[in-house]
Amino acid sequence: MKLLLQSILQTILWTLLVGLLYPLAMTLVCQGLFPSQANGSLLTVKDKDGHAVVVGSSLLAQQFSAPQYFWPRPSATTPVFSTVPSGASNFGPTNKNLHDNVLS
């Protein structure tokens, strides 16, 4: 019975410590030191009514063209590298449209 009680108390202790206190502490530290990155580095634009609309993140879906960077697969979204309506074109490697999209 003593072992069962210790096991239950250890489960409660570690659940509170690792499942509640640690994430809360990390959230507070990150919000204090890196608020933009902690909130997703969101990019906003004004819509026709003047409201701010989130259009993406400055940390995701960046287009790279320099040879030293890893190049992601071509995006079939509009605008290019938009993260919301993500998808592929399903063009095969011999398709001229794929070749034209990659080089443009």
N, C-alpha and C. Protein backbone atom coordinates (compact mmCIF):
# COMPACT_ATOMS: atom_id res chain seq x y z
N MET A 1 0.82 -1.19 0.00
CA MET A 1 0.00 0.00 0.00
C MET A 1 0.87 1.26 0.00
N LYS A 2 1.98 1.21 0.73
CA LYS A 2 2.88 2.34 0.79
C LYS A 2 3.48 2.63 -0.59
N LEU A 3 3.84 1.58 -1.32
CA LEU A 3 4.41 1.72 -2.65
C LEU A 3 3.39 2.32 -3.62
N LEU A 4 2.14 1.91 -3.52
CA LEU A 4 1.08 2.45 -4.37
C LEU A 4 0.88 3.94 -4.12
N LEU A 5 0.88 4.34 -2.85
CA LEU A 5 0.72 5.75 -2.49
C LEU A 5 1.90 6.58 -3.02
N GLN A 6 3.12 6.06 -2.89
CA GLN A 6 4.29 6.75 -3.42
C GLN A 6 4.20 6.90 -4.95
N SER A 7 3.73 5.89 -5.61
CA SER A 7 3.60 5.93 -7.06
C SER A 7 2.58 6.98 -7.49
N ILE A 8 1.47 7.05 -6.80
CA ILE A 8 0.44 8.04 -7.12
C ILE A 8 0.97 9.45 -6.87
N LEU A 9 1.65 9.64 -5.73
CA LEU A 9 2.20 10.97 -5.42
C LEU A 9 3.28 11.38 -6.42
N GLN A 10 4.12 10.44 -6.83
CA GLN A 10 5.15 10.73 -7.83
C GLN A 10 4.51 11.10 -9.18
N THR A 11 3.46 10.40 -9.55
CA THR A 11 2.75 10.69 -10.79
C THR A 11 2.16 12.10 -10.75
N ILE A 12 1.55 12.46 -9.65
CA ILE A 12 0.96 13.80 -9.50
C ILE A 12 2.06 14.85 -9.51
N LEU A 13 3.14 14.62 -8.77
CA LEU A 13 4.25 15.57 -8.71
C LEU A 13 4.84 15.83 -10.09
N TRP A 14 5.19 14.77 -10.83
CA TRP A 14 5.83 14.93 -12.12
C TRP A 14 4.87 15.46 -13.18
N THR A 15 3.62 15.13 -13.06
CA THR A 15 2.62 15.68 -13.98
C THR A 15 2.52 17.19 -13.80
N LEU A 16 2.48 17.65 -12.56
CA LEU A 16 2.43 19.08 -12.30
C LEU A 16 3.71 19.78 -12.70
N LEU A 17 4.84 19.16 -12.38
CA LEU A 17 6.13 19.77 -12.66
C LEU A 17 6.42 19.84 -14.16
N VAL A 18 6.33 18.72 -14.84
CA VAL A 18 6.71 18.64 -16.24
C VAL A 18 5.56 19.00 -17.18
N GLY A 19 4.34 18.77 -16.75
CA GLY A 19 3.20 19.04 -17.61
C GLY A 19 2.60 20.41 -17.43
N LEU A 20 2.88 21.10 -16.33
CA LEU A 20 2.27 22.39 -16.08
C LEU A 20 3.31 23.48 -15.80
N LEU A 21 4.14 23.27 -14.79
CA LEU A 21 5.08 24.32 -14.38
C LEU A 21 6.17 24.60 -15.41
N TYR A 22 6.77 23.56 -15.97
CA TYR A 22 7.83 23.76 -16.96
C TYR A 22 7.30 24.45 -18.22
N PRO A 23 6.19 23.97 -18.84
CA PRO A 23 5.68 24.69 -20.01
C PRO A 23 5.28 26.13 -19.70
N LEU A 24 4.72 26.37 -18.53
CA LEU A 24 4.35 27.73 -18.15
C LEU A 24 5.60 28.61 -18.00
N ALA A 25 6.63 28.09 -17.38
CA ALA A 25 7.88 28.84 -17.22
C ALA A 25 8.52 29.14 -18.57
N MET A 26 8.55 28.17 -19.47
CA MET A 26 9.14 28.38 -20.80
C MET A 26 8.33 29.39 -21.61
N THR A 27 7.01 29.33 -21.49
CA THR A 27 6.15 30.30 -22.18
C THR A 27 6.43 31.71 -21.68
N LEU A 28 6.54 31.88 -20.38
CA LEU A 28 6.83 33.20 -19.83
C LEU A 28 8.19 33.71 -20.24
N VAL A 29 9.20 32.86 -20.20
CA VAL A 29 10.55 33.26 -20.59
C VAL A 29 10.58 33.65 -22.07
N CYS A 30 10.00 32.80 -22.91
CA CYS A 30 10.02 33.08 -24.35
C CYS A 30 9.20 34.31 -24.70
N GLN A 31 8.05 34.51 -24.07
CA GLN A 31 7.25 35.70 -24.32
C GLN A 31 8.01 36.95 -23.87
N GLY A 32 8.78 36.84 -22.81
CA GLY A 32 9.53 37.98 -22.32
C GLY A 32 10.75 38.30 -23.16
N LEU A 33 11.49 37.27 -23.60
CA LEU A 33 12.73 37.49 -24.34
C LEU A 33 12.54 37.58 -25.85
N PHE A 34 11.63 36.77 -26.40
CA PHE A 34 11.44 36.69 -27.84
C PHE A 34 9.95 36.76 -28.20
N PRO A 35 9.28 37.87 -27.93
CA PRO A 35 7.83 37.90 -28.14
C PRO A 35 7.39 37.69 -29.58
N SER A 36 8.12 38.23 -30.53
CA SER A 36 7.72 38.06 -31.94
C SER A 36 7.83 36.61 -32.38
N GLN A 37 8.96 35.99 -32.09
CA GLN A 37 9.18 34.60 -32.47
C GLN A 37 8.25 33.65 -31.71
N ALA A 38 8.00 33.94 -30.44
CA ALA A 38 7.12 33.07 -29.64
C ALA A 38 5.70 33.10 -30.14
N ASN A 39 5.30 34.20 -30.77
CA ASN A 39 3.95 34.31 -31.30
C ASN A 39 3.87 33.95 -32.77
N GLY A 40 4.95 33.47 -33.35
CA GLY A 40 4.91 32.98 -34.72
C GLY A 40 5.44 33.92 -35.77
N SER A 41 6.00 35.06 -35.40
CA SER A 41 6.52 36.04 -36.35
C SER A 41 5.50 36.33 -37.45
N LEU A 42 4.29 36.67 -37.05
CA LEU A 42 3.19 36.83 -37.99
C LEU A 42 3.33 38.09 -38.83
N LEU A 43 3.00 37.95 -40.11
CA LEU A 43 2.98 39.07 -41.03
C LEU A 43 1.53 39.45 -41.28
N THR A 44 1.22 40.74 -41.20
CA THR A 44 -0.15 41.18 -41.39
C THR A 44 -0.23 42.25 -42.47
N VAL A 45 -1.39 42.33 -43.11
CA VAL A 45 -1.70 43.39 -44.06
C VAL A 45 -3.08 43.92 -43.72
N LYS A 46 -3.36 45.12 -44.18
CA LYS A 46 -4.68 45.72 -43.95
C LYS A 46 -5.62 45.28 -45.06
N ASP A 47 -6.84 44.85 -44.69
CA ASP A 47 -7.83 44.53 -45.71
C ASP A 47 -8.54 45.81 -46.14
N LYS A 48 -9.55 45.69 -47.00
CA LYS A 48 -10.21 46.88 -47.54
C LYS A 48 -10.95 47.68 -46.47
N ASP A 49 -11.27 47.04 -45.34
CA ASP A 49 -11.94 47.73 -44.24
C ASP A 49 -10.96 48.30 -43.22
N GLY A 50 -9.67 48.09 -43.42
CA GLY A 50 -8.66 48.61 -42.52
C GLY A 50 -8.30 47.68 -41.38
N HIS A 51 -8.84 46.45 -41.38
CA HIS A 51 -8.52 45.47 -40.34
C HIS A 51 -7.23 44.74 -40.68
N ALA A 52 -6.45 44.44 -39.68
CA ALA A 52 -5.22 43.68 -39.89
C ALA A 52 -5.56 42.21 -40.11
N VAL A 53 -5.04 41.64 -41.20
CA VAL A 53 -5.27 40.25 -41.55
C VAL A 53 -3.93 39.54 -41.59
N VAL A 54 -3.82 38.41 -40.90
CA VAL A 54 -2.58 37.63 -40.89
C VAL A 54 -2.44 36.93 -42.24
N VAL A 55 -1.29 37.11 -42.89
CA VAL A 55 -1.06 36.51 -44.19
C VAL A 55 0.05 35.46 -44.17
N GLY A 56 0.76 35.32 -43.08
CA GLY A 56 1.81 34.31 -43.01
C GLY A 56 2.78 34.60 -41.89
N SER A 57 3.93 33.97 -41.97
CA SER A 57 4.98 34.11 -40.97
C SER A 57 6.29 34.43 -41.67
N SER A 58 7.07 35.30 -41.06
CA SER A 58 8.36 35.64 -41.65
C SER A 58 9.37 34.50 -41.48
N LEU A 59 9.05 33.50 -40.67
CA LEU A 59 9.97 32.39 -40.44
C LEU A 59 9.67 31.18 -41.31
N LEU A 60 8.53 31.18 -42.01
CA LEU A 60 8.14 30.02 -42.81
C LEU A 60 8.03 30.38 -44.28
N ALA A 61 8.24 29.37 -45.13
CA ALA A 61 7.98 29.45 -46.56
C ALA A 61 8.70 30.60 -47.24
N GLN A 62 9.97 30.72 -46.97
CA GLN A 62 10.76 31.75 -47.63
C GLN A 62 11.36 31.17 -48.90
N GLN A 63 11.36 31.96 -49.95
CA GLN A 63 11.91 31.50 -51.21
C GLN A 63 13.42 31.73 -51.23
N PHE A 64 14.17 30.68 -51.50
CA PHE A 64 15.63 30.75 -51.58
C PHE A 64 16.07 30.46 -53.00
N SER A 65 17.03 31.21 -53.48
CA SER A 65 17.52 30.95 -54.83
C SER A 65 19.04 30.83 -54.89
N ALA A 66 19.71 31.10 -53.80
CA ALA A 66 21.17 30.99 -53.77
C ALA A 66 21.57 29.51 -53.70
N PRO A 67 22.64 29.13 -54.35
CA PRO A 67 23.01 27.71 -54.40
C PRO A 67 23.40 27.11 -53.05
N GLN A 68 23.79 27.92 -52.06
CA GLN A 68 24.21 27.34 -50.77
C GLN A 68 23.03 26.90 -49.91
N TYR A 69 21.79 27.26 -50.27
CA TYR A 69 20.62 26.89 -49.49
C TYR A 69 19.96 25.63 -50.04
N PHE A 70 19.31 24.89 -49.15
CA PHE A 70 18.50 23.75 -49.57
C PHE A 70 17.24 24.30 -50.22
N TRP A 71 16.94 23.88 -51.41
CA TRP A 71 15.77 24.38 -52.12
C TRP A 71 14.58 23.47 -51.86
N PRO A 72 13.45 24.01 -51.42
CA PRO A 72 12.27 23.18 -51.20
C PRO A 72 11.62 22.81 -52.53
N ARG A 73 10.65 21.92 -52.49
CA ARG A 73 9.96 21.55 -53.72
C ARG A 73 9.16 22.74 -54.23
N PRO A 74 8.93 22.81 -55.51
CA PRO A 74 8.17 23.94 -56.06
C PRO A 74 6.76 24.00 -55.48
N SER A 75 6.30 25.19 -55.23
CA SER A 75 4.98 25.38 -54.65
C SER A 75 3.97 25.69 -55.74
N ALA A 76 2.77 25.11 -55.64
CA ALA A 76 1.70 25.36 -56.59
C ALA A 76 0.71 26.37 -56.03
N THR A 77 1.06 27.05 -54.98
CA THR A 77 0.13 27.99 -54.34
C THR A 77 0.31 29.38 -54.91
N THR A 78 -0.70 30.20 -54.69
CA THR A 78 -0.65 31.60 -55.11
C THR A 78 -0.93 32.46 -53.91
N PRO A 79 -0.08 33.38 -53.50
CA PRO A 79 1.23 33.64 -54.05
C PRO A 79 2.19 32.50 -53.75
N VAL A 80 3.31 32.48 -54.47
CA VAL A 80 4.28 31.40 -54.30
C VAL A 80 4.75 31.35 -52.85
N PHE A 81 4.85 30.14 -52.31
CA PHE A 81 5.29 29.86 -50.95
C PHE A 81 4.31 30.35 -49.90
N SER A 82 3.05 30.46 -50.24
CA SER A 82 2.03 30.76 -49.25
C SER A 82 1.85 29.51 -48.39
N THR A 83 1.74 29.66 -47.08
CA THR A 83 1.66 28.49 -46.19
C THR A 83 0.23 28.05 -45.92
N VAL A 84 -0.75 28.87 -46.19
CA VAL A 84 -2.12 28.51 -45.85
C VAL A 84 -2.71 27.49 -46.82
N PRO A 85 -2.82 27.78 -48.13
CA PRO A 85 -3.39 26.79 -49.04
C PRO A 85 -2.29 25.93 -49.65
N SER A 86 -1.56 25.22 -48.83
CA SER A 86 -0.40 24.48 -49.28
C SER A 86 -0.81 23.31 -50.16
N GLY A 87 0.01 23.03 -51.13
CA GLY A 87 -0.25 21.89 -51.98
C GLY A 87 0.77 21.79 -53.09
N ALA A 88 0.80 20.64 -53.72
CA ALA A 88 1.72 20.41 -54.82
C ALA A 88 0.93 20.39 -56.12
N SER A 89 1.63 20.53 -57.22
CA SER A 89 0.99 20.56 -58.53
C SER A 89 0.77 19.17 -59.09
N ASN A 90 1.51 18.18 -58.61
CA ASN A 90 1.49 16.81 -59.12
C ASN A 90 2.04 16.71 -60.53
N PHE A 91 2.81 17.70 -60.97
CA PHE A 91 3.47 17.60 -62.25
C PHE A 91 4.62 16.61 -62.14
N GLY A 92 4.79 15.78 -63.14
CA GLY A 92 5.87 14.82 -63.17
C GLY A 92 7.18 15.47 -63.57
N PRO A 93 8.30 14.77 -63.39
CA PRO A 93 9.61 15.37 -63.68
C PRO A 93 9.82 15.68 -65.16
N THR A 94 9.05 15.10 -66.05
CA THR A 94 9.21 15.39 -67.48
C THR A 94 8.19 16.41 -67.98
N ASN A 95 7.36 16.95 -67.09
CA ASN A 95 6.33 17.90 -67.49
C ASN A 95 6.95 19.28 -67.71
N LYS A 96 6.65 19.90 -68.86
CA LYS A 96 7.20 21.21 -69.18
C LYS A 96 6.72 22.29 -68.20
N ASN A 97 5.48 22.18 -67.70
CA ASN A 97 4.96 23.17 -66.75
C ASN A 97 5.77 23.17 -65.45
N LEU A 98 6.18 21.99 -64.98
CA LEU A 98 7.02 21.91 -63.78
C LEU A 98 8.35 22.61 -64.04
N HIS A 99 8.95 22.34 -65.18
CA HIS A 99 10.22 22.97 -65.53
C HIS A 99 10.08 24.49 -65.58
N ASP A 100 9.01 24.98 -66.19
CA ASP A 100 8.79 26.43 -66.29
C ASP A 100 8.54 27.05 -64.91
N ASN A 101 7.79 26.35 -64.02
CA ASN A 101 7.51 26.88 -62.69
C ASN A 101 8.77 26.95 -61.84
N VAL A 102 9.65 25.97 -61.98
CA VAL A 102 10.86 25.94 -61.18
C VAL A 102 11.82 27.04 -61.62
N LEU A 103 11.90 27.30 -62.88
CA LEU A 103 12.85 28.29 -63.39
C LEU A 103 12.31 29.71 -63.31
N SER A 104 11.02 29.88 -63.07
CA SER A 104 10.49 31.25 -63.01
C SER A 104 10.59 31.85 -61.64
